[in-house]
Amino acid sequence: MAIHIPWDKTDDWDRVEKYAEELGLEIGVVNSNLFQEQEYMLGSICNPESSVRKKAVGHMIECIEIMKATGS
């Protein structure tokens, strides 16, 4: 299954992973939501504002950490 961050964000990824296993599922994809917020109107990683690019990169790093935590 795919999860979307921040929509599916939790403080207990172990619990989510175990629940998915109980259902016979695996977390296969972690999608970073880099479009919803108004500041991403001009893009995220390629935004002309360095503060927006920095926020987007931080979000992507957070998603990578979630991937590691869930075995994605």
C-alpha atoms as a PDB file:
ATOM      1  CA  MET A   1       0.000   0.000   0.000  1.00  0.00           C
ATOM      2  CA  ALA A   2       1.048   3.613  -0.386  1.00  0.00           C
ATOM      3  CA  ILE A   3       1.081   6.186   2.364  1.00  0.00           C
ATOM      4  CA  HIS A   4       1.048   9.935   1.899  1.00  0.00           C
ATOM      5  CA  ILE A   5       2.894  12.295   4.207  1.00  0.00           C
ATOM      6  CA  PRO A   6       1.743  14.373   6.015  1.00  0.00           C
ATOM      7  CA  TRP A   7      -1.779  12.968   5.593  1.00  0.00           C
ATOM      8  CA  ASP A   8      -0.890   9.523   7.001  1.00  0.00           C
ATOM      9  CA  LYS A   9       1.737  10.703   9.478  1.00  0.00           C
ATOM     10  CA  THR A  10       1.888   8.989  12.856  1.00  0.00           C
ATOM     11  CA  ASP A  11       4.134   8.809  15.885  1.00  0.00           C
ATOM     12  CA  ASP A  12       4.152   5.000  15.863  1.00  0.00           C
ATOM     13  CA  TRP A  13       5.390   3.548  12.561  1.00  0.00           C
ATOM     14  CA  ASP A  14       6.065   0.176  14.182  1.00  0.00           C
ATOM     15  CA  ARG A  15       2.377  -0.126  14.996  1.00  0.00           C
ATOM     16  CA  VAL A  16       1.371   0.811  11.457  1.00  0.00           C
ATOM     17  CA  GLU A  17       3.813  -1.692   9.968  1.00  0.00           C
ATOM     18  CA  LYS A  18       2.567  -4.478  12.258  1.00  0.00           C
ATOM     19  CA  TYR A  19      -1.057  -3.659  11.452  1.00  0.00           C
ATOM     20  CA  ALA A  20      -0.305  -3.736   7.735  1.00  0.00           C
ATOM     21  CA  GLU A  21       1.330  -7.158   8.189  1.00  0.00           C
ATOM     22  CA  GLU A  22      -1.762  -8.423  10.029  1.00  0.00           C
ATOM     23  CA  LEU A  23      -3.792  -7.428   6.977  1.00  0.00           C
ATOM     24  CA  GLY A  24      -1.304  -9.078   4.618  1.00  0.00           C
ATOM     25  CA  LEU A  25      -0.087  -5.719   3.313  1.00  0.00           C
ATOM     26  CA  GLU A  26       3.244  -3.964   3.052  1.00  0.00           C
ATOM     27  CA  ILE A  27       4.022  -0.272   2.904  1.00  0.00           C
ATOM     28  CA  GLY A  28       5.529  -0.085  -0.540  1.00  0.00           C
ATOM     29  CA  VAL A  29       5.548   3.607  -1.289  1.00  0.00           C
ATOM     30  CA  VAL A  30       5.877   6.743   0.795  1.00  0.00           C
ATOM     31  CA  ASN A  31       4.550   9.688  -1.183  1.00  0.00           C
ATOM     32  CA  SER A  32       5.675  13.137  -0.157  1.00  0.00           C
ATOM     33  CA  ASN A  33       2.946  15.745  -0.417  1.00  0.00           C
ATOM     34  CA  LEU A  34       4.703  18.694  -2.009  1.00  0.00           C
ATOM     35  CA  PHE A  35       1.740  20.399  -3.623  1.00  0.00           C
ATOM     36  CA  GLN A  36      -0.975  21.113  -1.083  1.00  0.00           C
ATOM     37  CA  GLU A  37       0.470  24.097   0.745  1.00  0.00           C
ATOM     38  CA  GLN A  38       0.097  27.558  -0.774  1.00  0.00           C
ATOM     39  CA  GLU A  39       3.842  28.212  -0.615  1.00  0.00           C
ATOM     40  CA  TYR A  40       4.370  25.383  -3.130  1.00  0.00           C
ATOM     41  CA  MET A  41       2.281  27.259  -5.718  1.00  0.00           C
ATOM     42  CA  LEU A  42       5.461  27.947  -7.716  1.00  0.00           C
ATOM     43  CA  GLY A  43       6.890  24.506  -7.114  1.00  0.00           C
ATOM     44  CA  SER A  44       8.721  22.830  -4.280  1.00  0.00           C
ATOM     45  CA  ILE A  45      12.254  21.653  -5.062  1.00  0.00           C
ATOM     46  CA  CYS A  46      12.618  24.204  -7.877  1.00  0.00           C
ATOM     47  CA  ASN A  47      10.789  27.055  -6.145  1.00  0.00           C
ATOM     48  CA  PRO A  48      12.482  30.437  -6.626  1.00  0.00           C
ATOM     49  CA  GLU A  49      12.470  30.987  -2.827  1.00  0.00           C
ATOM     50  CA  SER A  50      15.285  29.211  -1.004  1.00  0.00           C
ATOM     51  CA  SER A  51      13.197  28.873   2.178  1.00  0.00           C
ATOM     52  CA  VAL A  52      10.535  26.933   0.277  1.00  0.00           C
ATOM     53  CA  ARG A  53      13.141  24.692  -1.358  1.00  0.00           C
ATOM     54  CA  LYS A  54      14.685  24.042   2.065  1.00  0.00           C
ATOM     55  CA  LYS A  55      11.289  23.115   3.518  1.00  0.00           C
ATOM     56  CA  ALA A  56      10.610  20.752   0.594  1.00  0.00           C
ATOM     57  CA  VAL A  57      13.985  19.049   0.980  1.00  0.00           C
ATOM     58  CA  GLY A  58      13.363  18.661   4.720  1.00  0.00           C
ATOM     59  CA  HIS A  59       9.999  17.057   3.983  1.00  0.00           C
ATOM     60  CA  MET A  60      11.577  14.645   1.518  1.00  0.00           C
ATOM     61  CA  ILE A  61      14.252  13.694   4.076  1.00  0.00           C
ATOM     62  CA  GLU A  62      11.477  13.078   6.610  1.00  0.00           C
ATOM     63  CA  CYS A  63       9.801  10.762   4.096  1.00  0.00           C
ATOM     64  CA  ILE A  64      13.060   8.873   3.580  1.00  0.00           C
ATOM     65  CA  GLU A  65      13.303   8.353   7.338  1.00  0.00           C
ATOM     66  CA  ILE A  66       9.718   7.034   7.320  1.00  0.00           C
ATOM     67  CA  MET A  67      10.682   4.677   4.489  1.00  0.00           C
ATOM     68  CA  LYS A  68      13.532   3.353   6.622  1.00  0.00           C
ATOM     69  CA  ALA A  69      11.260   2.958   9.655  1.00  0.00           C
ATOM     70  CA  THR A  70       8.622   1.051   7.701  1.00  0.00           C
ATOM     71  CA  GLY A  71      10.892  -1.032   5.491  1.00  0.00           C
ATOM     72  CA  SER A  72       9.422   0.595   2.408  1.00  0.00           C
END
